[in-house]
């Protein structure tokens, strides 16, 4: 057990860690954004937890099975691990109220910006410090998620991030920081944390 609580970064997936290519029906189309693995590894090395929280409504929409999400995440983990990076936990929301596939076509508390995935993560990982928490993503929903549980939100302009800023996608938000990519998002977070964190181990 760690004595110190660990700071945590909740990471979006598409457009943040891997390239935004729409709904990924072919697992081989999941490819990391340049620098993403190195950025995650820097969190690992600093003792900061890296937790994936991703909306994956393709299941509710009938595009693919829930098993397909697991395969995508196996590839994501494999690609990160190949560069020495690891995620401490992975969470996804397969729901969409207006979806077509039962039982996923429901109103849920986990689809971002709802904070259900974060609540589960904090419950399952009591070592995480909710007072030193960040959300990194390319959508207004990621920034709003951060605001809903008192974390700092970083909007990356990869994926849909620039469209959010330009008012073309979702709605206007005020992130704590705007980064051109995950590399500079993690730079800012580690600086904001004072460069050090809870104990790694």
N, C-alpha and C. Protein backbone atom coordinates (compact mmCIF):
# COMPACT_ATOMS: atom_id res chain seq x y z
N UNK A 1 0.84 -1.21 0.00
CA UNK A 1 0.00 0.00 0.00
C UNK A 1 0.87 1.25 0.00
N UNK A 2 0.43 2.24 -0.72
CA UNK A 2 1.12 3.52 -0.68
C UNK A 2 0.63 4.30 0.52
N UNK A 3 1.53 4.99 1.16
CA UNK A 3 1.11 5.88 2.23
C UNK A 3 0.45 7.10 1.63
N UNK A 4 1.06 7.61 0.58
CA UNK A 4 0.55 8.84 -0.04
C UNK A 4 -0.51 8.50 -1.08
N UNK A 5 -1.52 9.35 -1.14
CA UNK A 5 -2.48 9.22 -2.23
C UNK A 5 -1.79 9.64 -3.52
N UNK A 6 -2.22 9.02 -4.63
CA UNK A 6 -1.58 9.33 -5.91
C UNK A 6 -2.41 10.33 -6.70
N UNK A 7 -1.78 11.35 -7.25
CA UNK A 7 -2.48 12.21 -8.20
C UNK A 7 -2.93 11.35 -9.38
N UNK A 8 -3.95 11.80 -10.09
CA UNK A 8 -4.50 10.97 -11.16
C UNK A 8 -4.85 11.84 -12.37
N UNK A 9 -4.56 11.31 -13.54
CA UNK A 9 -4.97 11.94 -14.80
C UNK A 9 -5.95 11.00 -15.49
N UNK A 10 -7.18 11.48 -15.68
CA UNK A 10 -8.18 10.72 -16.42
C UNK A 10 -8.04 11.09 -17.89
N UNK A 11 -7.76 10.09 -18.71
CA UNK A 11 -7.45 10.31 -20.12
C UNK A 11 -8.59 9.85 -21.01
N UNK A 12 -8.97 10.70 -21.94
CA UNK A 12 -9.88 10.31 -23.00
C UNK A 12 -9.09 9.41 -23.96
N UNK A 13 -9.79 8.72 -24.85
CA UNK A 13 -9.10 7.81 -25.77
C UNK A 13 -8.99 8.41 -27.18
N UNK A 14 -10.09 8.39 -27.92
CA UNK A 14 -10.04 8.81 -29.33
C UNK A 14 -9.75 10.30 -29.45
N UNK A 15 -8.75 10.63 -30.25
CA UNK A 15 -8.40 12.03 -30.44
C UNK A 15 -7.49 12.57 -29.35
N UNK A 16 -7.22 11.74 -28.35
CA UNK A 16 -6.34 12.14 -27.25
C UNK A 16 -5.14 11.21 -27.18
N UNK A 17 -5.40 9.91 -27.00
CA UNK A 17 -4.32 8.91 -27.01
C UNK A 17 -4.11 8.34 -28.40
N UNK A 18 -5.23 7.98 -29.06
CA UNK A 18 -5.11 7.45 -30.43
C UNK A 18 -5.76 8.41 -31.42
N UNK A 19 -5.38 8.25 -32.66
CA UNK A 19 -5.86 9.15 -33.72
C UNK A 19 -7.38 9.05 -33.85
N UNK A 20 -8.01 10.21 -34.05
CA UNK A 20 -9.46 10.26 -34.25
C UNK A 20 -9.77 9.83 -35.68
N UNK A 21 -10.38 8.65 -35.83
CA UNK A 21 -10.73 8.16 -37.17
C UNK A 21 -12.19 7.72 -37.20
N UNK A 22 -13.01 8.30 -36.30
CA UNK A 22 -14.41 7.88 -36.26
C UNK A 22 -14.54 6.56 -35.50
N UNK A 23 -15.66 5.87 -35.72
CA UNK A 23 -15.88 4.60 -35.03
C UNK A 23 -14.93 3.56 -35.61
N UNK A 24 -14.10 2.95 -34.74
CA UNK A 24 -13.06 2.06 -35.22
C UNK A 24 -13.61 0.64 -35.35
N UNK A 25 -14.00 0.29 -36.57
CA UNK A 25 -14.56 -1.05 -36.79
C UNK A 25 -13.45 -2.08 -37.00
N UNK A 26 -12.31 -1.64 -37.49
CA UNK A 26 -11.17 -2.54 -37.72
C UNK A 26 -10.12 -2.22 -36.65
N UNK A 27 -9.84 -3.20 -35.81
CA UNK A 27 -8.94 -2.97 -34.67
C UNK A 27 -7.60 -2.39 -35.10
N UNK A 28 -7.12 -2.78 -36.28
CA UNK A 28 -5.80 -2.31 -36.73
C UNK A 28 -5.79 -0.82 -37.03
N UNK A 29 -6.97 -0.19 -37.08
CA UNK A 29 -7.03 1.26 -37.33
C UNK A 29 -6.86 2.08 -36.06
N UNK A 30 -6.68 1.40 -34.92
CA UNK A 30 -6.39 2.14 -33.70
C UNK A 30 -4.88 2.35 -33.63
N UNK A 31 -4.45 3.59 -33.79
CA UNK A 31 -3.03 3.92 -33.77
C UNK A 31 -2.78 5.12 -32.87
N UNK A 32 -1.71 5.04 -32.11
CA UNK A 32 -1.40 6.09 -31.15
C UNK A 32 -1.05 7.39 -31.84
N UNK A 33 -1.44 8.50 -31.22
CA UNK A 33 -0.97 9.82 -31.63
C UNK A 33 0.51 9.90 -31.26
N UNK A 34 1.30 10.54 -32.11
CA UNK A 34 2.73 10.68 -31.83
C UNK A 34 2.96 11.26 -30.45
N UNK A 35 3.80 10.61 -29.68
CA UNK A 35 4.15 11.11 -28.35
C UNK A 35 3.22 10.65 -27.25
N UNK A 36 2.11 10.00 -27.60
CA UNK A 36 1.14 9.62 -26.56
C UNK A 36 1.73 8.63 -25.57
N UNK A 37 2.42 7.61 -26.07
CA UNK A 37 2.98 6.61 -25.17
C UNK A 37 4.03 7.24 -24.26
N UNK A 38 4.87 8.08 -24.82
CA UNK A 38 5.91 8.74 -24.01
C UNK A 38 5.28 9.62 -22.93
N UNK A 39 4.16 10.26 -23.27
CA UNK A 39 3.47 11.12 -22.30
C UNK A 39 2.92 10.28 -21.15
N UNK A 40 2.30 9.15 -21.48
CA UNK A 40 1.77 8.27 -20.44
C UNK A 40 2.90 7.72 -19.58
N UNK A 41 4.02 7.38 -20.22
CA UNK A 41 5.17 6.85 -19.47
C UNK A 41 5.69 7.89 -18.48
N UNK A 42 5.63 9.16 -18.85
CA UNK A 42 6.09 10.21 -17.93
C UNK A 42 5.19 10.27 -16.69
N UNK A 43 3.90 10.02 -16.89
CA UNK A 43 2.99 9.93 -15.73
C UNK A 43 3.38 8.73 -14.87
N UNK A 44 3.60 7.59 -15.53
CA UNK A 44 4.02 6.38 -14.81
C UNK A 44 5.26 6.66 -13.97
N UNK A 45 6.26 7.28 -14.60
CA UNK A 45 7.54 7.51 -13.94
C UNK A 45 7.41 8.50 -12.78
N UNK A 46 6.44 9.41 -12.87
CA UNK A 46 6.24 10.42 -11.82
C UNK A 46 5.34 9.91 -10.70
N UNK A 47 4.84 8.67 -10.85
CA UNK A 47 3.96 8.13 -9.82
C UNK A 47 2.54 8.65 -9.91
N UNK A 48 2.19 9.22 -11.07
CA UNK A 48 0.84 9.74 -11.28
C UNK A 48 0.01 8.66 -11.99
N UNK A 49 -1.17 8.37 -11.47
CA UNK A 49 -2.01 7.35 -12.08
C UNK A 49 -2.55 7.84 -13.42
N UNK A 50 -2.59 6.94 -14.39
CA UNK A 50 -3.14 7.23 -15.72
C UNK A 50 -4.35 6.32 -15.92
N UNK A 51 -5.55 6.91 -15.96
CA UNK A 51 -6.78 6.13 -16.01
C UNK A 51 -7.59 6.53 -17.25
N UNK A 52 -7.91 5.54 -18.06
CA UNK A 52 -8.70 5.80 -19.27
C UNK A 52 -10.19 5.91 -18.91
N UNK A 53 -10.84 6.96 -19.41
CA UNK A 53 -12.31 7.08 -19.29
C UNK A 53 -12.82 7.49 -20.68
N UNK A 54 -13.54 6.60 -21.33
CA UNK A 54 -13.91 6.85 -22.72
C UNK A 54 -15.36 6.49 -23.00
N UNK A 55 -16.05 7.38 -23.71
CA UNK A 55 -17.40 7.09 -24.20
C UNK A 55 -17.26 6.24 -25.45
N UNK A 56 -17.93 5.09 -25.48
CA UNK A 56 -17.86 4.20 -26.64
C UNK A 56 -19.28 3.77 -27.02
N UNK A 57 -20.02 4.72 -27.59
CA UNK A 57 -21.44 4.47 -27.90
C UNK A 57 -21.64 3.63 -29.15
N UNK A 58 -20.55 3.23 -29.80
CA UNK A 58 -20.67 2.38 -30.99
C UNK A 58 -21.43 1.10 -30.70
N UNK A 59 -21.38 0.64 -29.44
CA UNK A 59 -22.10 -0.57 -29.04
C UNK A 59 -23.61 -0.29 -29.06
N UNK A 60 -24.01 0.80 -28.40
CA UNK A 60 -25.43 1.15 -28.35
C UNK A 60 -25.97 1.48 -29.73
N UNK A 61 -25.09 1.99 -30.60
CA UNK A 61 -25.50 2.35 -31.95
C UNK A 61 -25.58 1.14 -32.88
N UNK A 62 -25.09 -0.01 -32.40
CA UNK A 62 -25.15 -1.21 -33.21
C UNK A 62 -24.02 -1.36 -34.21
N UNK A 63 -22.94 -0.59 -34.02
CA UNK A 63 -21.81 -0.65 -34.96
C UNK A 63 -20.94 -1.87 -34.72
N UNK A 64 -20.85 -2.30 -33.45
CA UNK A 64 -20.05 -3.47 -33.12
C UNK A 64 -20.42 -3.93 -31.72
N UNK A 65 -19.90 -5.09 -31.33
CA UNK A 65 -20.24 -5.68 -30.04
C UNK A 65 -19.38 -5.08 -28.92
N UNK A 66 -19.81 -5.33 -27.71
CA UNK A 66 -19.02 -4.86 -26.57
C UNK A 66 -17.64 -5.53 -26.57
N UNK A 67 -17.59 -6.77 -27.05
CA UNK A 67 -16.33 -7.50 -27.12
C UNK A 67 -15.31 -6.75 -27.99
N UNK A 68 -15.81 -6.04 -29.01
CA UNK A 68 -14.94 -5.28 -29.90
C UNK A 68 -14.22 -4.17 -29.13
N UNK A 69 -14.89 -3.56 -28.17
CA UNK A 69 -14.24 -2.52 -27.36
C UNK A 69 -13.08 -3.14 -26.58
N UNK A 70 -13.29 -4.34 -26.05
CA UNK A 70 -12.21 -5.01 -25.32
C UNK A 70 -11.02 -5.26 -26.25
N UNK A 71 -11.29 -5.65 -27.49
CA UNK A 71 -10.20 -5.89 -28.45
C UNK A 71 -9.45 -4.59 -28.76
N UNK A 72 -10.22 -3.50 -28.91
CA UNK A 72 -9.58 -2.20 -29.16
C UNK A 72 -8.69 -1.82 -27.98
N UNK A 73 -9.17 -2.09 -26.77
CA UNK A 73 -8.38 -1.72 -25.60
C UNK A 73 -7.18 -2.63 -25.41
N UNK A 74 -7.31 -3.89 -25.83
CA UNK A 74 -6.13 -4.76 -25.82
C UNK A 74 -5.04 -4.20 -26.73
N UNK A 75 -5.47 -3.72 -27.91
CA UNK A 75 -4.49 -3.13 -28.83
C UNK A 75 -3.89 -1.85 -28.26
N UNK A 76 -4.74 -1.02 -27.65
CA UNK A 76 -4.26 0.22 -27.05
C UNK A 76 -3.20 -0.09 -25.99
N UNK A 77 -3.50 -1.03 -25.11
CA UNK A 77 -2.57 -1.41 -24.04
C UNK A 77 -1.28 -1.98 -24.63
N UNK A 78 -1.43 -2.80 -25.68
CA UNK A 78 -0.27 -3.40 -26.34
C UNK A 78 0.64 -2.32 -26.93
N UNK A 79 0.04 -1.36 -27.64
CA UNK A 79 0.83 -0.30 -28.28
C UNK A 79 1.53 0.57 -27.24
N UNK A 80 0.84 0.85 -26.13
CA UNK A 80 1.46 1.64 -25.07
C UNK A 80 2.60 0.86 -24.42
N UNK A 81 2.33 -0.42 -24.14
CA UNK A 81 3.33 -1.24 -23.45
C UNK A 81 4.58 -1.40 -24.30
N UNK A 82 4.41 -1.43 -25.62
CA UNK A 82 5.57 -1.56 -26.52
C UNK A 82 6.55 -0.41 -26.33
N UNK A 83 6.04 0.72 -25.81
CA UNK A 83 6.91 1.87 -25.55
C UNK A 83 7.08 2.12 -24.05
N UNK A 84 6.81 1.08 -23.26
CA UNK A 84 7.07 1.15 -21.83
C UNK A 84 6.05 1.92 -21.02
N UNK A 85 4.86 2.15 -21.59
CA UNK A 85 3.83 2.94 -20.89
C UNK A 85 2.68 2.04 -20.47
N UNK A 86 2.05 2.37 -19.35
CA UNK A 86 0.89 1.57 -18.96
C UNK A 86 -0.21 2.43 -18.36
N UNK A 87 -1.44 1.96 -18.54
CA UNK A 87 -2.60 2.59 -17.94
C UNK A 87 -2.89 1.87 -16.63
N UNK A 88 -3.20 2.62 -15.60
CA UNK A 88 -3.49 2.01 -14.30
C UNK A 88 -4.86 1.35 -14.27
N UNK A 89 -5.78 1.87 -15.08
CA UNK A 89 -7.13 1.30 -15.16
C UNK A 89 -7.79 1.82 -16.42
N UNK A 90 -8.77 1.06 -16.91
CA UNK A 90 -9.51 1.46 -18.12
C UNK A 90 -11.01 1.36 -17.83
N UNK A 91 -11.74 2.41 -18.17
CA UNK A 91 -13.19 2.42 -18.03
C UNK A 91 -13.80 2.94 -19.32
N UNK A 92 -14.94 2.37 -19.68
CA UNK A 92 -15.64 2.88 -20.87
C UNK A 92 -17.13 2.86 -20.61
N UNK A 93 -17.83 3.73 -21.32
CA UNK A 93 -19.29 3.77 -21.27
C UNK A 93 -19.83 3.36 -22.63
N UNK A 94 -20.57 2.23 -22.72
CA UNK A 94 -21.10 1.76 -23.99
C UNK A 94 -22.52 2.27 -24.26
N UNK A 95 -23.02 3.13 -23.38
CA UNK A 95 -24.44 3.51 -23.43
C UNK A 95 -24.72 4.73 -24.30
N UNK A 96 -25.94 4.81 -24.77
CA UNK A 96 -26.43 6.00 -25.47
C UNK A 96 -27.95 5.94 -25.41
N UNK A 97 -28.56 6.97 -24.83
CA UNK A 97 -30.01 6.95 -24.62
C UNK A 97 -30.75 6.70 -25.93
N UNK A 98 -30.28 7.33 -27.01
CA UNK A 98 -30.98 7.18 -28.30
C UNK A 98 -30.41 6.05 -29.16
N UNK A 99 -29.66 5.16 -28.51
CA UNK A 99 -29.10 4.02 -29.24
C UNK A 99 -30.18 3.04 -29.67
N UNK A 100 -29.78 2.01 -30.41
CA UNK A 100 -30.74 1.06 -30.97
C UNK A 100 -30.59 -0.35 -30.40
N UNK A 101 -29.55 -0.57 -29.59
CA UNK A 101 -29.26 -1.92 -29.12
C UNK A 101 -29.50 -2.03 -27.61
N UNK A 102 -30.39 -2.94 -27.22
CA UNK A 102 -30.60 -3.19 -25.79
C UNK A 102 -29.46 -4.06 -25.25
N UNK A 103 -29.09 -3.94 -23.99
CA UNK A 103 -29.62 -3.00 -22.99
C UNK A 103 -28.84 -1.69 -22.95
N UNK A 104 -28.10 -1.41 -23.99
CA UNK A 104 -27.18 -0.25 -23.98
C UNK A 104 -27.89 1.07 -24.30
N UNK A 105 -29.12 0.98 -24.83
CA UNK A 105 -29.83 2.20 -25.23
C UNK A 105 -30.59 2.76 -24.03
N UNK A 106 -29.83 3.23 -23.04
CA UNK A 106 -30.45 3.71 -21.81
C UNK A 106 -29.78 5.00 -21.37
N UNK A 107 -30.47 5.71 -20.51
CA UNK A 107 -29.86 6.87 -19.86
C UNK A 107 -28.96 6.32 -18.75
N UNK A 108 -27.73 6.76 -18.70
CA UNK A 108 -26.80 6.22 -17.71
C UNK A 108 -26.15 7.36 -16.94
N UNK A 109 -25.38 7.00 -15.94
CA UNK A 109 -24.64 8.01 -15.18
C UNK A 109 -23.15 7.98 -15.51
N UNK A 110 -22.78 7.19 -16.53
CA UNK A 110 -21.35 7.06 -16.83
C UNK A 110 -20.92 7.76 -18.12
N UNK A 111 -21.86 8.11 -19.00
CA UNK A 111 -21.46 8.76 -20.24
C UNK A 111 -20.99 10.18 -19.95
N UNK A 112 -19.75 10.47 -20.31
CA UNK A 112 -19.23 11.82 -20.09
C UNK A 112 -20.15 12.83 -20.77
N UNK A 113 -20.45 13.98 -20.16
CA UNK A 113 -19.79 14.55 -18.97
C UNK A 113 -20.30 14.06 -17.62
N UNK A 114 -21.19 13.09 -17.60
CA UNK A 114 -21.56 12.50 -16.30
C UNK A 114 -20.29 11.90 -15.69
N UNK A 115 -20.23 11.86 -14.37
CA UNK A 115 -18.97 11.46 -13.74
C UNK A 115 -18.95 10.04 -13.20
N UNK A 116 -19.84 9.19 -13.73
CA UNK A 116 -19.92 7.82 -13.24
C UNK A 116 -18.62 7.03 -13.34
N UNK A 117 -17.92 7.16 -14.46
CA UNK A 117 -16.67 6.40 -14.62
C UNK A 117 -15.63 6.83 -13.60
N UNK A 118 -15.57 8.14 -13.34
CA UNK A 118 -14.64 8.66 -12.35
C UNK A 118 -15.02 8.17 -10.96
N UNK A 119 -16.31 8.20 -10.65
CA UNK A 119 -16.78 7.72 -9.34
C UNK A 119 -16.37 6.26 -9.12
N UNK A 120 -16.55 5.44 -10.17
CA UNK A 120 -16.17 4.02 -10.05
C UNK A 120 -14.66 3.89 -9.85
N UNK A 121 -13.91 4.65 -10.62
CA UNK A 121 -12.44 4.59 -10.51
C UNK A 121 -11.99 4.96 -9.10
N UNK A 122 -12.56 6.02 -8.55
CA UNK A 122 -12.15 6.47 -7.22
C UNK A 122 -12.57 5.46 -6.15
N UNK A 123 -13.67 4.75 -6.39
CA UNK A 123 -14.12 3.72 -5.45
C UNK A 123 -13.23 2.48 -5.53
N UNK A 124 -12.93 2.07 -6.77
CA UNK A 124 -12.13 0.85 -6.96
C UNK A 124 -10.65 1.07 -6.66
N UNK A 125 -10.22 2.32 -6.72
CA UNK A 125 -8.80 2.63 -6.49
C UNK A 125 -8.69 3.71 -5.41
N UNK A 126 -8.84 3.30 -4.15
CA UNK A 126 -8.86 4.29 -3.06
C UNK A 126 -7.55 5.04 -2.89
N UNK A 127 -6.51 4.59 -3.60
CA UNK A 127 -5.23 5.32 -3.50
C UNK A 127 -5.22 6.58 -4.36
N UNK A 128 -6.24 6.77 -5.20
CA UNK A 128 -6.26 7.94 -6.07
C UNK A 128 -6.70 9.18 -5.30
N UNK A 129 -6.02 10.28 -5.57
CA UNK A 129 -6.27 11.54 -4.87
C UNK A 129 -7.21 12.42 -5.70
N UNK A 130 -8.47 12.46 -5.31
CA UNK A 130 -9.45 13.25 -6.08
C UNK A 130 -9.18 14.75 -5.98
N UNK A 131 -8.36 15.13 -5.01
CA UNK A 131 -8.00 16.56 -4.86
C UNK A 131 -6.89 16.96 -5.83
N UNK A 132 -6.18 15.99 -6.33
CA UNK A 132 -5.12 16.26 -7.34
C UNK A 132 -5.46 15.43 -8.57
N UNK A 133 -6.52 15.85 -9.24
CA UNK A 133 -7.03 15.10 -10.38
C UNK A 133 -7.14 16.00 -11.61
N UNK A 134 -6.94 15.39 -12.76
CA UNK A 134 -6.98 16.11 -14.03
C UNK A 134 -7.75 15.27 -15.03
N UNK A 135 -8.36 15.94 -16.00
CA UNK A 135 -8.96 15.23 -17.13
C UNK A 135 -8.35 15.81 -18.39
N UNK A 136 -7.88 14.92 -19.28
CA UNK A 136 -7.32 15.35 -20.56
C UNK A 136 -8.17 14.76 -21.67
N UNK A 137 -8.68 15.60 -22.55
CA UNK A 137 -9.48 15.10 -23.66
C UNK A 137 -9.66 16.15 -24.74
N UNK A 138 -10.29 15.74 -25.83
CA UNK A 138 -10.44 16.62 -26.99
C UNK A 138 -11.86 17.15 -27.16
N UNK A 139 -12.71 16.94 -26.15
CA UNK A 139 -14.10 17.36 -26.28
C UNK A 139 -14.55 18.21 -25.11
N UNK A 140 -15.61 18.97 -25.36
CA UNK A 140 -16.21 19.76 -24.30
C UNK A 140 -16.66 18.86 -23.15
N UNK A 141 -17.10 17.65 -23.50
CA UNK A 141 -17.57 16.71 -22.46
C UNK A 141 -16.45 16.35 -21.49
N UNK A 142 -15.20 16.33 -21.96
CA UNK A 142 -14.07 16.02 -21.07
C UNK A 142 -13.82 17.16 -20.09
N UNK A 143 -13.86 18.39 -20.62
CA UNK A 143 -13.64 19.55 -19.77
C UNK A 143 -14.76 19.67 -18.75
N UNK A 144 -15.99 19.44 -19.20
CA UNK A 144 -17.12 19.53 -18.29
C UNK A 144 -17.07 18.43 -17.23
N UNK A 145 -16.61 17.24 -17.61
CA UNK A 145 -16.43 16.16 -16.64
C UNK A 145 -15.50 16.63 -15.52
N UNK A 146 -14.39 17.24 -15.90
CA UNK A 146 -13.44 17.74 -14.90
C UNK A 146 -14.13 18.71 -13.95
N UNK A 147 -14.90 19.63 -14.53
CA UNK A 147 -15.55 20.65 -13.70
C UNK A 147 -16.57 20.03 -12.76
N UNK A 148 -17.20 18.94 -13.17
CA UNK A 148 -18.24 18.33 -12.35
C UNK A 148 -17.71 17.67 -11.09
N UNK A 149 -16.43 17.25 -11.11
CA UNK A 149 -15.95 16.67 -9.85
C UNK A 149 -14.75 17.43 -9.29
N UNK A 150 -14.59 18.68 -9.73
CA UNK A 150 -13.59 19.54 -9.13
C UNK A 150 -12.17 19.29 -9.56
N UNK A 151 -12.01 18.67 -10.73
CA UNK A 151 -10.66 18.44 -11.26
C UNK A 151 -10.28 19.58 -12.22
N UNK A 152 -9.05 19.57 -12.68
CA UNK A 152 -8.62 20.54 -13.70
C UNK A 152 -8.77 19.88 -15.07
N UNK A 153 -9.33 20.62 -16.00
CA UNK A 153 -9.57 20.09 -17.34
C UNK A 153 -8.59 20.64 -18.36
N UNK A 154 -7.99 19.74 -19.13
CA UNK A 154 -7.07 20.13 -20.20
C UNK A 154 -7.67 19.70 -21.53
N UNK A 155 -7.86 20.66 -22.41
CA UNK A 155 -8.39 20.37 -23.75
C UNK A 155 -7.22 20.26 -24.72
N UNK A 156 -7.11 19.12 -25.39
CA UNK A 156 -6.08 18.98 -26.42
C UNK A 156 -6.71 19.30 -27.78
N UNK A 157 -5.95 19.95 -28.64
CA UNK A 157 -6.51 20.35 -29.93
C UNK A 157 -6.31 19.30 -31.01
N UNK A 158 -5.85 18.11 -30.62
CA UNK A 158 -5.92 16.96 -31.52
C UNK A 158 -7.39 16.50 -31.53
N UNK A 159 -7.74 15.57 -32.36
CA UNK A 159 -9.13 15.11 -32.40
C UNK A 159 -10.08 16.26 -32.69
N UNK A 160 -11.11 16.42 -31.85
CA UNK A 160 -12.11 17.46 -32.05
C UNK A 160 -11.80 18.75 -31.29
N UNK A 161 -10.66 18.78 -30.60
CA UNK A 161 -10.38 19.91 -29.71
C UNK A 161 -10.45 21.27 -30.37
N UNK A 162 -9.85 21.39 -31.56
CA UNK A 162 -9.86 22.69 -32.24
C UNK A 162 -11.27 23.07 -32.66
N UNK A 163 -12.07 22.08 -33.08
CA UNK A 163 -13.45 22.36 -33.47
C UNK A 163 -14.28 22.84 -32.28
N UNK A 164 -13.97 22.32 -31.08
CA UNK A 164 -14.66 22.80 -29.87
C UNK A 164 -14.32 24.27 -29.66
N UNK A 165 -13.03 24.60 -29.77
CA UNK A 165 -12.60 25.98 -29.55
C UNK A 165 -13.19 26.92 -30.60
N UNK A 166 -13.34 26.40 -31.83
CA UNK A 166 -13.86 27.23 -32.93
C UNK A 166 -15.38 27.34 -32.91
N UNK A 167 -16.02 26.63 -31.95
CA UNK A 167 -17.47 26.68 -31.86
C UNK A 167 -18.18 25.84 -32.89
N UNK A 168 -17.46 24.88 -33.50
CA UNK A 168 -18.07 24.03 -34.54
C UNK A 168 -18.57 22.71 -34.00
N UNK A 169 -18.17 22.37 -32.77
CA UNK A 169 -18.49 21.05 -32.24
C UNK A 169 -18.83 21.17 -30.76
N UNK A 170 -19.91 20.49 -30.35
CA UNK A 170 -20.37 20.51 -28.97
C UNK A 170 -20.67 21.94 -28.51
N UNK A 171 -20.07 22.40 -27.42
CA UNK A 171 -20.42 23.70 -26.85
C UNK A 171 -19.18 24.36 -26.25
N UNK A 172 -19.23 25.67 -26.00
CA UNK A 172 -18.05 26.36 -25.48
C UNK A 172 -17.74 25.93 -24.04
N UNK A 173 -16.47 25.76 -23.75
CA UNK A 173 -16.03 25.42 -22.39
C UNK A 173 -14.80 26.25 -22.06
N UNK A 174 -14.50 26.33 -20.78
CA UNK A 174 -13.31 27.04 -20.31
C UNK A 174 -12.36 26.05 -19.65
N UNK A 175 -11.50 25.42 -20.45
CA UNK A 175 -10.54 24.49 -19.82
C UNK A 175 -9.53 25.26 -18.97
N UNK A 176 -8.89 24.55 -18.05
CA UNK A 176 -7.83 25.16 -17.26
C UNK A 176 -6.58 25.38 -18.11
N UNK A 177 -6.45 24.56 -19.14
CA UNK A 177 -5.30 24.69 -20.05
C UNK A 177 -5.68 24.12 -21.40
N UNK A 178 -5.16 24.74 -22.45
CA UNK A 178 -5.36 24.23 -23.81
C UNK A 178 -3.99 23.80 -24.32
N UNK A 179 -3.89 22.55 -24.76
CA UNK A 179 -2.61 22.00 -25.22
C UNK A 179 -2.75 21.53 -26.66
N UNK A 180 -1.70 21.69 -27.48
CA UNK A 180 -1.77 21.21 -28.85
C UNK A 180 -1.83 19.69 -28.95
N UNK A 181 -1.35 19.00 -27.91
CA UNK A 181 -1.39 17.53 -27.93
C UNK A 181 -1.16 17.02 -26.51
N UNK A 182 -1.24 15.71 -26.36
CA UNK A 182 -1.11 15.11 -25.03
C UNK A 182 0.26 15.35 -24.42
N UNK A 183 1.29 15.44 -25.25
CA UNK A 183 2.65 15.69 -24.74
C UNK A 183 2.68 16.96 -23.92
N UNK A 184 2.14 18.04 -24.50
CA UNK A 184 2.18 19.32 -23.80
C UNK A 184 1.14 19.39 -22.68
N UNK A 185 0.08 18.59 -22.80
CA UNK A 185 -0.89 18.50 -21.70
C UNK A 185 -0.21 17.92 -20.46
N UNK A 186 0.55 16.85 -20.67
CA UNK A 186 1.24 16.21 -19.54
C UNK A 186 2.35 17.10 -19.01
N UNK A 187 3.04 17.83 -19.88
CA UNK A 187 4.03 18.83 -19.43
C UNK A 187 3.38 19.76 -18.41
N UNK A 188 2.24 20.29 -18.79
CA UNK A 188 1.56 21.28 -17.94
C UNK A 188 1.11 20.65 -16.63
N UNK A 189 0.57 19.45 -16.69
CA UNK A 189 0.08 18.78 -15.48
C UNK A 189 1.23 18.51 -14.51
N UNK A 190 2.33 17.98 -15.02
CA UNK A 190 3.45 17.67 -14.14
C UNK A 190 4.03 18.94 -13.52
N UNK A 191 4.03 20.02 -14.29
CA UNK A 191 4.49 21.30 -13.76
C UNK A 191 3.50 21.78 -12.69
N UNK A 192 2.21 21.64 -12.97
CA UNK A 192 1.17 22.07 -12.04
C UNK A 192 1.26 21.28 -10.73
N UNK A 193 1.66 20.03 -10.82
CA UNK A 193 1.80 19.18 -9.63
C UNK A 193 3.10 19.47 -8.89
N UNK A 194 3.93 20.34 -9.47
CA UNK A 194 5.20 20.63 -8.84
C UNK A 194 6.27 19.64 -9.21
N UNK A 195 6.00 18.87 -10.30
CA UNK A 195 7.02 17.95 -10.79
C UNK A 195 7.10 16.66 -9.99
N UNK A 196 6.55 16.68 -8.78
CA UNK A 196 6.55 15.45 -7.98
C UNK A 196 5.14 15.10 -7.58
N UNK A 197 5.00 13.94 -7.01
CA UNK A 197 3.68 13.40 -6.84
C UNK A 197 3.70 12.43 -5.69
N UNK A 198 2.65 11.62 -5.62
CA UNK A 198 2.64 10.53 -4.67
C UNK A 198 3.76 9.56 -4.99
N UNK A 199 3.98 8.60 -4.15
CA UNK A 199 5.09 7.67 -4.38
C UNK A 199 4.76 6.76 -5.54
N UNK A 200 5.78 6.47 -6.31
CA UNK A 200 5.57 5.45 -7.33
C UNK A 200 6.03 4.13 -6.72
N UNK A 201 5.69 3.03 -7.36
CA UNK A 201 6.12 1.77 -6.76
C UNK A 201 5.36 0.64 -7.40
